[in-house]
């Protein structure tokens, strides 16, 4: 049996920085005793947050550098140049949209939310939580932000991102009742339809920033047609039928057809022989059909349709706050849950 390493005294409470970095670099994770692994993991997370904060600090400085200042000078501009995102993109090998998103986060934390940046530097919160503060508080005044940060930064280390998001939303609404409406209008203005290829050769088609009522109506129509097709003998599981209906309704191939004609055409497509195998082209796997238990006849459990009322702040921050600046959309790395009882 491998001899476990002895962890340095006080590692669990050591603040992030150069000393912690050196100690962690000397620890072989494969030799850490079972009961010590969580301590080392937490130390690495503190150090990572500290490093993220340092990177964001210099990133904000890059954005404000005067591009026309002589070499060797420290010269910053009050406002970032319009093309600073291009330099960041080139330096970090990022797309321009991602570079602007990174810069917007850095600039907000450094110049608008210094206490949040300080908490990230100290390893008390991670980057995902810092992004939540920046995204929700960016539109508010400095006085409003100070009040919210004073209330939420102390408990933030013990909250999941979903719990923190829910508390941020409630506090933002308390200090600025119109905040949710502004977020909704801004996201609606930036609605878009995106199609891209996936690594497995398939494609993803997604629409964001939609009016919830219109989106719900569209999903209910697709879901109703899918259930009717399934009941009529369509061999695919409901999720696959919904996907096929969605593209067929948009590509024009079902244009001018009646409800009954749409059902007939989709059934014919599903049972037409595959030219490569000779089997019905719409044949799904037994496992896919048998595990489709969420799509019961009661109409519940559908994977299609928003769950929040129209005009509400649904919790997704895509297209709002700093995540939407310069046309970017936030990566979905954080928990989207809105309940205080939710976990990551």
Foldseek 3Di string as FASTA:
>chain_A
DAAADDQDPPLLPDWADDVLVVRLVPHDLVRHDPVCNVSSVLSVLRNQLLVLLVVLQVLLLLQFADPPDDPPDRDGHPHGDPCSLVVQCVVVVHDSQVSLLSNLLSCCCVPQNVVLSVCSNRSLAHPLLSVLLQQLPVVDDSVLSVVLCVPQVVCRSVAASQLSNLSSVVSSCVVPVCSLLVQLVQLLVLWDWDKDADPVGHIDIDIGSHFQVVQQVVQVVLQVLLVVLVVVPQQAASVVSSVVVVVCVVVCVCPPPDSVVVSVVSSCQQQDADPVPRGRPNHDDPVRRVPSVLCDPVRGNDPGGDDDHGSGNQQQSFSGGSCCPPHHGDDPPGDSHNDRPDHD
